[in-house]
Structures are given as structure tokens and as C-alpha cells.
């Protein structure tokens, strides 16, 4: 994932990030099944998908922490 992609994702709402995370997890599951069946030879795609999931989880966590911090400052 390029830095430009991460910057774009930082501007997205948490709900949309969660939807993207769900899609990516489903995609990873499908790739794992296809890899086990021998349909897919590209094991790097599985690794890249796992990295994208980790980055999405990190961004979601960061955004939630920002929300908590803002709420604590206002409340």
C-alpha cells in the first residue's frame, strides 16, 4: 500500500474503514481457500492482504483514540 493510499484512508470515516476491513477479510479468506485448492499461485497476494488488514486496523484504532481524546478535552 502506497503512502498516498494511506493518506486517503486517513481522511475516511471509521464506519467506512470498518466496511473496507470487512471486504478485505473476506477477500483474504477467499484467497486462502483458492490457494489451498491450487487455483492461486500468488502467495504474495495473501501477504499483501494481511498487511492491508493490519494497516486498516491501525487506522481504525488511531481514529477511535482521537475521538476519545477529543471527547475528554470537551467533557
PDB file of N, CA and C in Angstrom:
ATOM      1  N   UNK A   1       0.850  -1.162   0.000  1.00  0.00           N
ATOM      2  CA  UNK A   1       0.000   0.000   0.000  1.00  0.00           C
ATOM      3  C   UNK A   1       0.900   1.230   0.000  1.00  0.00           C
ATOM      4  N   UNK A   2       0.671   2.095  -0.932  1.00  0.00           N
ATOM      5  CA  UNK A   2       1.493   3.290  -1.075  1.00  0.00           C
ATOM      6  C   UNK A   2       1.101   4.332  -0.031  1.00  0.00           C
ATOM      7  N   UNK A   3       2.004   5.275   0.181  1.00  0.00           N
ATOM      8  CA  UNK A   3       1.743   6.332   1.157  1.00  0.00           C
ATOM      9  C   UNK A   3       0.523   7.153   0.772  1.00  0.00           C
ATOM     10  N   UNK A   4       0.308   7.318  -0.531  1.00  0.00           N
ATOM     11  CA  UNK A   4      -0.857   8.071  -0.990  1.00  0.00           C
ATOM     12  C   UNK A   4      -2.145   7.381  -0.561  1.00  0.00           C
ATOM     13  N   UNK A   5      -2.151   6.042  -0.638  1.00  0.00           N
ATOM     14  CA  UNK A   5      -3.331   5.284  -0.235  1.00  0.00           C
ATOM     15  C   UNK A   5      -3.604   5.458   1.257  1.00  0.00           C
ATOM     16  N   UNK A   6      -2.561   5.451   2.054  1.00  0.00           N
ATOM     17  CA  UNK A   6      -2.725   5.609   3.490  1.00  0.00           C
ATOM     18  C   UNK A   6      -3.259   7.003   3.802  1.00  0.00           C
ATOM     19  N   UNK A   7      -2.739   8.015   3.109  1.00  0.00           N
ATOM     20  CA  UNK A   7      -3.217   9.376   3.326  1.00  0.00           C
ATOM     21  C   UNK A   7      -4.703   9.496   2.977  1.00  0.00           C
ATOM     22  N   UNK A   8      -5.123   8.828   1.910  1.00  0.00           N
ATOM     23  CA  UNK A   8      -6.533   8.855   1.527  1.00  0.00           C
ATOM     24  C   UNK A   8      -7.381   8.166   2.590  1.00  0.00           C
ATOM     25  N   UNK A   9      -6.882   7.036   3.117  1.00  0.00           N
ATOM     26  CA  UNK A   9      -7.636   6.308   4.125  1.00  0.00           C
ATOM     27  C   UNK A   9      -7.732   7.082   5.433  1.00  0.00           C
ATOM     28  N   UNK A  10      -6.750   7.904   5.747  1.00  0.00           N
ATOM     29  CA  UNK A  10      -6.787   8.707   6.971  1.00  0.00           C
ATOM     30  C   UNK A  10      -7.929   9.720   6.942  1.00  0.00           C
ATOM     31  N   UNK A  11      -8.378  10.081   5.759  1.00  0.00           N
ATOM     32  CA  UNK A  11      -9.451  11.053   5.615  1.00  0.00           C
ATOM     33  C   UNK A  11     -10.839  10.412   5.634  1.00  0.00           C
ATOM     34  N   UNK A  12     -10.892   9.089   5.642  1.00  0.00           N
ATOM     35  CA  UNK A  12     -12.153   8.357   5.577  1.00  0.00           C
ATOM     36  C   UNK A  12     -12.721   8.167   6.991  1.00  0.00           C
ATOM     37  N   UNK A  13     -14.046   8.109   7.089  1.00  0.00           N
ATOM     38  CA  UNK A  13     -14.704   7.891   8.383  1.00  0.00           C
ATOM     39  C   UNK A  13     -14.443   6.475   8.889  1.00  0.00           C
ATOM     40  N   UNK A  14     -14.595   6.297  10.194  1.00  0.00           N
ATOM     41  CA  UNK A  14     -14.355   4.999  10.827  1.00  0.00           C
ATOM     42  C   UNK A  14     -15.299   3.939  10.259  1.00  0.00           C
ATOM     43  N   UNK A  15     -16.552   4.295  10.041  1.00  0.00           N
ATOM     44  CA  UNK A  15     -17.534   3.334   9.530  1.00  0.00           C
ATOM     45  C   UNK A  15     -17.115   2.792   8.167  1.00  0.00           C
ATOM     46  N   UNK A  16     -16.584   3.677   7.323  1.00  0.00           N
ATOM     47  CA  UNK A  16     -16.138   3.252   6.001  1.00  0.00           C
ATOM     48  C   UNK A  16     -14.885   2.385   6.087  1.00  0.00           C
ATOM     49  N   UNK A  17     -14.021   2.696   7.047  1.00  0.00           N
ATOM     50  CA  UNK A  17     -12.830   1.860   7.252  1.00  0.00           C
ATOM     51  C   UNK A  17     -13.229   0.460   7.700  1.00  0.00           C
ATOM     52  N   UNK A  18     -14.240   0.375   8.546  1.00  0.00           N
ATOM     53  CA  UNK A  18     -14.703  -0.931   9.017  1.00  0.00           C
ATOM     54  C   UNK A  18     -15.297  -1.728   7.858  1.00  0.00           C
ATOM     55  N   UNK A  19     -16.027  -1.058   6.975  1.00  0.00           N
ATOM     56  CA  UNK A  19     -16.573  -1.743   5.793  1.00  0.00           C
ATOM     57  C   UNK A  19     -15.438  -2.259   4.909  1.00  0.00           C
ATOM     58  N   UNK A  20     -14.429  -1.428   4.715  1.00  0.00           N
ATOM     59  CA  UNK A  20     -13.264  -1.824   3.909  1.00  0.00           C
ATOM     60  C   UNK A  20     -12.542  -3.002   4.556  1.00  0.00           C
ATOM     61  N   UNK A  21     -12.441  -2.981   5.871  1.00  0.00           N
ATOM     62  CA  UNK A  21     -11.808  -4.074   6.612  1.00  0.00           C
ATOM     63  C   UNK A  21     -12.571  -5.381   6.411  1.00  0.00           C
ATOM     64  N   UNK A  22     -13.881  -5.307   6.475  1.00  0.00           N
ATOM     65  CA  UNK A  22     -14.713  -6.494   6.273  1.00  0.00           C
ATOM     66  C   UNK A  22     -14.516  -7.067   4.874  1.00  0.00           C
ATOM     67  N   UNK A  23     -14.481  -6.195   3.881  1.00  0.00           N
ATOM     68  CA  UNK A  23     -14.265  -6.643   2.500  1.00  0.00           C
ATOM     69  C   UNK A  23     -12.897  -7.306   2.350  1.00  0.00           C
ATOM     70  N   UNK A  24     -11.886  -6.693   2.951  1.00  0.00           N
ATOM     71  CA  UNK A  24     -10.521  -7.219   2.827  1.00  0.00           C
ATOM     72  C   UNK A  24     -10.385  -8.565   3.534  1.00  0.00           C
ATOM     73  N   UNK A  25     -11.042  -8.729   4.671  1.00  0.00           N
ATOM     74  CA  UNK A  25     -11.008 -10.016   5.381  1.00  0.00           C
ATOM     75  C   UNK A  25     -11.684 -11.106   4.560  1.00  0.00           C
ATOM     76  N   UNK A  26     -12.799 -10.755   3.917  1.00  0.00           N
ATOM     77  CA  UNK A  26     -13.491 -11.727   3.055  1.00  0.00           C
ATOM     78  C   UNK A  26     -12.606 -12.096   1.865  1.00  0.00           C
ATOM     79  N   UNK A  27     -11.958 -11.101   1.297  1.00  0.00           N
ATOM     80  CA  UNK A  27     -11.048 -11.331   0.165  1.00  0.00           C
ATOM     81  C   UNK A  27      -9.905 -12.255   0.581  1.00  0.00           C
ATOM     82  N   UNK A  28      -9.341 -12.018   1.771  1.00  0.00           N
ATOM     83  CA  UNK A  28      -8.259 -12.858   2.271  1.00  0.00           C
ATOM     84  C   UNK A  28      -8.721 -14.297   2.474  1.00  0.00           C
ATOM     85  N   UNK A  29      -9.896 -14.456   3.044  1.00  0.00           N
ATOM     86  CA  UNK A  29     -10.433 -15.793   3.259  1.00  0.00           C
ATOM     87  C   UNK A  29     -10.595 -16.524   1.928  1.00  0.00           C
ATOM     88  N   UNK A  30     -11.122 -15.827   0.936  1.00  0.00           N
ATOM     89  CA  UNK A  30     -11.310 -16.433  -0.382  1.00  0.00           C
ATOM     90  C   UNK A  30      -9.965 -16.807  -1.013  1.00  0.00           C
ATOM     91  N   UNK A  31      -8.972 -15.923  -0.865  1.00  0.00           N
ATOM     92  CA  UNK A  31      -7.641 -16.220  -1.415  1.00  0.00           C
ATOM     93  C   UNK A  31      -7.028 -17.442  -0.738  1.00  0.00           C
ATOM     94  N   UNK A  32      -7.234 -17.567   0.562  1.00  0.00           N
ATOM     95  CA  UNK A  32      -6.690 -18.728   1.283  1.00  0.00           C
ATOM     96  C   UNK A  32      -7.317 -20.022   0.783  1.00  0.00           C
ATOM     97  N   UNK A  33      -8.639 -19.999   0.558  1.00  0.00           N
ATOM     98  CA  UNK A  33      -9.302 -21.186   0.026  1.00  0.00           C
ATOM     99  C   UNK A  33      -8.784 -21.518  -1.370  1.00  0.00           C
ATOM    100  N   UNK A  34      -8.668 -20.503  -2.203  1.00  0.00           N
ATOM    101  CA  UNK A  34      -8.185 -20.714  -3.564  1.00  0.00           C
ATOM    102  C   UNK A  34      -6.737 -21.204  -3.566  1.00  0.00           C
ATOM    103  N   UNK A  35      -5.936 -20.689  -2.658  1.00  0.00           N
ATOM    104  CA  UNK A  35      -4.544 -21.110  -2.548  1.00  0.00           C
ATOM    105  C   UNK A  35      -4.462 -22.570  -2.126  1.00  0.00           C
ATOM    106  N   UNK A  36      -5.312 -22.970  -1.187  1.00  0.00           N
ATOM    107  CA  UNK A  36      -5.326 -24.356  -0.726  1.00  0.00           C
ATOM    108  C   UNK A  36      -5.790 -25.306  -1.831  1.00  0.00           C
ATOM    109  N   UNK A  37      -6.711 -24.855  -2.660  1.00  0.00           N
ATOM    110  CA  UNK A  37      -7.199 -25.674  -3.767  1.00  0.00           C
ATOM    111  C   UNK A  37      -6.236 -25.699  -4.945  1.00  0.00           C
ATOM    112  N   UNK A  38      -5.270 -24.804  -4.928  1.00  0.00           N
ATOM    113  CA  UNK A  38      -4.314 -24.749  -6.015  1.00  0.00           C
ATOM    114  C   UNK A  38      -4.730 -23.840  -7.151  1.00  0.00           C
ATOM    115  N   UNK A  39      -5.780 -23.078  -6.965  1.00  0.00           N
ATOM    116  CA  UNK A  39      -6.244 -22.172  -8.015  1.00  0.00           C
ATOM    117  C   UNK A  39      -5.353 -20.945  -8.135  1.00  0.00           C
ATOM    118  N   UNK A  40      -4.787 -20.511  -7.009  1.00  0.00           N
ATOM    119  CA  UNK A  40      -3.968 -19.301  -6.987  1.00  0.00           C
ATOM    120  C   UNK A  40      -2.537 -19.690  -6.661  1.00  0.00           C
ATOM    121  N   UNK A  41      -1.620 -19.182  -7.427  1.00  0.00           N
ATOM    122  CA  UNK A  41      -0.209 -19.452  -7.187  1.00  0.00           C
ATOM    123  C   UNK A  41       0.483 -18.269  -6.523  1.00  0.00           C
ATOM    124  N   UNK A  42      -0.207 -17.143  -6.435  1.00  0.00           N
ATOM    125  CA  UNK A  42       0.385 -15.908  -5.937  1.00  0.00           C
ATOM    126  C   UNK A  42       0.231 -15.817  -4.414  1.00  0.00           C
ATOM    127  N   UNK A  43       1.189 -16.351  -3.697  1.00  0.00           N
ATOM    128  CA  UNK A  43       1.119 -16.296  -2.238  1.00  0.00           C
ATOM    129  C   UNK A  43       1.438 -14.897  -1.729  1.00  0.00           C
ATOM    130  N   UNK A  44       2.060 -14.070  -2.539  1.00  0.00           N
ATOM    131  CA  UNK A  44       2.355 -12.694  -2.142  1.00  0.00           C
ATOM    132  C   UNK A  44       1.065 -11.891  -1.975  1.00  0.00           C
ATOM    133  N   UNK A  45       0.036 -12.225  -2.721  1.00  0.00           N
ATOM    134  CA  UNK A  45      -1.237 -11.518  -2.602  1.00  0.00           C
ATOM    135  C   UNK A  45      -1.842 -11.738  -1.218  1.00  0.00           C
ATOM    136  N   UNK A  46      -1.660 -12.928  -0.668  1.00  0.00           N
ATOM    137  CA  UNK A  46      -2.146 -13.220   0.680  1.00  0.00           C
ATOM    138  C   UNK A  46      -1.400 -12.346   1.687  1.00  0.00           C
ATOM    139  N   UNK A  47      -0.104 -12.279   1.539  1.00  0.00           N
ATOM    140  CA  UNK A  47       0.720 -11.467   2.441  1.00  0.00           C
ATOM    141  C   UNK A  47       0.331  -9.986   2.338  1.00  0.00           C
ATOM    142  N   UNK A  48       0.129  -9.497   1.137  1.00  0.00           N
ATOM    143  CA  UNK A  48      -0.266  -8.103   0.943  1.00  0.00           C
ATOM    144  C   UNK A  48      -1.634  -7.813   1.554  1.00  0.00           C
ATOM    145  N   UNK A  49      -2.541  -8.763   1.446  1.00  0.00           N
ATOM    146  CA  UNK A  49      -3.863  -8.600   2.024  1.00  0.00           C
ATOM    147  C   UNK A  49      -3.781  -8.533   3.551  1.00  0.00           C
ATOM    148  N   UNK A  50      -2.928  -9.361   4.132  1.00  0.00           N
ATOM    149  CA  UNK A  50      -2.746  -9.338   5.586  1.00  0.00           C
ATOM    150  C   UNK A  50      -2.169  -8.000   6.044  1.00  0.00           C
ATOM    151  N   UNK A  51      -1.252  -7.470   5.264  1.00  0.00           N
ATOM    152  CA  UNK A  51      -0.670  -6.169   5.594  1.00  0.00           C
ATOM    153  C   UNK A  51      -1.718  -5.071   5.510  1.00  0.00           C
ATOM    154  N   UNK A  52      -2.555  -5.136   4.490  1.00  0.00           N
ATOM    155  CA  UNK A  52      -3.610  -4.125   4.342  1.00  0.00           C
ATOM    156  C   UNK A  52      -4.584  -4.197   5.516  1.00  0.00           C
ATOM    157  N   UNK A  53      -4.921  -5.407   5.950  1.00  0.00           N
ATOM    158  CA  UNK A  53      -5.810  -5.572   7.101  1.00  0.00           C
ATOM    159  C   UNK A  53      -5.173  -4.952   8.343  1.00  0.00           C
ATOM    160  N   UNK A  54      -3.891  -5.194   8.546  1.00  0.00           N
ATOM    161  CA  UNK A  54      -3.197  -4.627   9.705  1.00  0.00           C
ATOM    162  C   UNK A  54      -3.201  -3.107   9.656  1.00  0.00           C
ATOM    163  N   UNK A  55      -2.999  -2.538   8.484  1.00  0.00           N
ATOM    164  CA  UNK A  55      -2.994  -1.081   8.355  1.00  0.00           C
ATOM    165  C   UNK A  55      -4.380  -0.504   8.604  1.00  0.00           C
ATOM    166  N   UNK A  56      -5.403  -1.190   8.109  1.00  0.00           N
ATOM    167  CA  UNK A  56      -6.765  -0.726   8.357  1.00  0.00           C
ATOM    168  C   UNK A  56      -7.089  -0.771   9.846  1.00  0.00           C
ATOM    169  N   UNK A  57      -6.698  -1.846  10.513  1.00  0.00           N
ATOM    170  CA  UNK A  57      -6.935  -1.952  11.950  1.00  0.00           C
ATOM    171  C   UNK A  57      -6.207  -0.845  12.710  1.00  0.00           C
ATOM    172  N   UNK A  58      -5.000  -0.539  12.278  1.00  0.00           N
ATOM    173  CA  UNK A  58      -4.235   0.531  12.917  1.00  0.00           C
ATOM    174  C   UNK A  58      -4.927   1.877  12.733  1.00  0.00           C
ATOM    175  N   UNK A  59      -5.381   2.160  11.530  1.00  0.00           N
ATOM    176  CA  UNK A  59      -6.064   3.421  11.262  1.00  0.00           C
ATOM    177  C   UNK A  59      -7.363   3.539  12.058  1.00  0.00           C
ATOM    178  N   UNK A  60      -8.099   2.442  12.159  1.00  0.00           N
ATOM    179  CA  UNK A  60      -9.341   2.441  12.938  1.00  0.00           C
ATOM    180  C   UNK A  60      -9.023   2.735  14.399  1.00  0.00           C
ATOM    181  N   UNK A  61      -8.011   2.092  14.913  1.00  0.00           N
ATOM    182  CA  UNK A  61      -7.603   2.304  16.302  1.00  0.00           C
ATOM    183  C   UNK A  61      -7.177   3.751  16.529  1.00  0.00           C
ATOM    184  N   UNK A  62      -6.406   4.310  15.614  1.00  0.00           N
ATOM    185  CA  UNK A  62      -5.968   5.700  15.731  1.00  0.00           C
ATOM    186  C   UNK A  62      -7.160   6.649  15.757  1.00  0.00           C
ATOM    187  N   UNK A  63      -8.112   6.425  14.871  1.00  0.00           N
ATOM    188  CA  UNK A  63      -9.274   7.307  14.798  1.00  0.00           C
ATOM    189  C   UNK A  63     -10.113   7.214  16.066  1.00  0.00           C
ATOM    190  N   UNK A  64     -10.265   6.014  16.606  1.00  0.00           N
ATOM    191  CA  UNK A  64     -11.031   5.852  17.836  1.00  0.00           C
ATOM    192  C   UNK A  64     -10.326   6.538  19.004  1.00  0.00           C
ATOM    193  N   UNK A  65      -9.005   6.463  19.053  1.00  0.00           N
ATOM    194  CA  UNK A  65      -8.253   7.133  20.105  1.00  0.00           C
ATOM    195  C   UNK A  65      -8.390   8.650  19.979  1.00  0.00           C
ATOM    196  N   UNK A  66      -8.402   9.157  18.765  1.00  0.00           N
ATOM    197  CA  UNK A  66      -8.591  10.590  18.548  1.00  0.00           C
ATOM    198  C   UNK A  66      -9.964  11.029  19.043  1.00  0.00           C
ATOM    199  N   UNK A  67     -10.976  10.212  18.799  1.00  0.00           N
ATOM    200  CA  UNK A  67     -12.324  10.533  19.244  1.00  0.00           C
ATOM    201  C   UNK A  67     -12.379  10.583  20.772  1.00  0.00           C
ATOM    202  N   UNK A  68     -11.742   9.630  21.429  1.00  0.00           N
ATOM    203  CA  UNK A  68     -11.712   9.596  22.889  1.00  0.00           C
ATOM    204  C   UNK A  68     -11.004  10.822  23.428  1.00  0.00           C
ATOM    205  N   UNK A  69      -9.889  11.181  22.823  1.00  0.00           N
ATOM    206  CA  UNK A  69      -9.125  12.341  23.263  1.00  0.00           C
ATOM    207  C   UNK A  69      -9.952  13.625  23.114  1.00  0.00           C
ATOM    208  N   UNK A  70     -10.630  13.764  22.000  1.00  0.00           N
ATOM    209  CA  UNK A  70     -11.461  14.952  21.766  1.00  0.00           C
ATOM    210  C   UNK A  70     -12.602  15.001  22.771  1.00  0.00           C
ATOM    211  N   UNK A  71     -13.214  13.855  23.037  1.00  0.00           N
ATOM    212  CA  UNK A  71     -14.320  13.807  23.996  1.00  0.00           C
ATOM    213  C   UNK A  71     -13.851  14.149  25.406  1.00  0.00           C
ATOM    214  N   UNK A  72     -12.664  13.703  25.773  1.00  0.00           N
ATOM    215  CA  UNK A  72     -12.127  14.001  27.100  1.00  0.00           C
ATOM    216  C   UNK A  72     -11.808  15.490  27.240  1.00  0.00           C
ATOM    217  N   UNK A  73     -11.318  16.088  26.171  1.00  0.00           N
ATOM    218  CA  UNK A  73     -10.991  17.510  26.205  1.00  0.00           C
ATOM    219  C   UNK A  73     -12.254  18.371  26.286  1.00  0.00           C
ATOM    220  N   UNK A  74     -13.318  17.919  25.631  1.00  0.00           N
ATOM    221  CA  UNK A  74     -14.562  18.683  25.635  1.00  0.00           C
ATOM    222  C   UNK A  74     -15.415  18.394  26.866  1.00  0.00           C
ATOM    223  N   UNK A  75     -15.219  17.260  27.481  1.00  0.00           N
ATOM    224  CA  UNK A  75     -16.116  16.860  28.573  1.00  0.00           C
ATOM    225  C   UNK A  75     -15.529  17.001  29.868  1.00  0.00           C
TER     226      UNK A  75
END
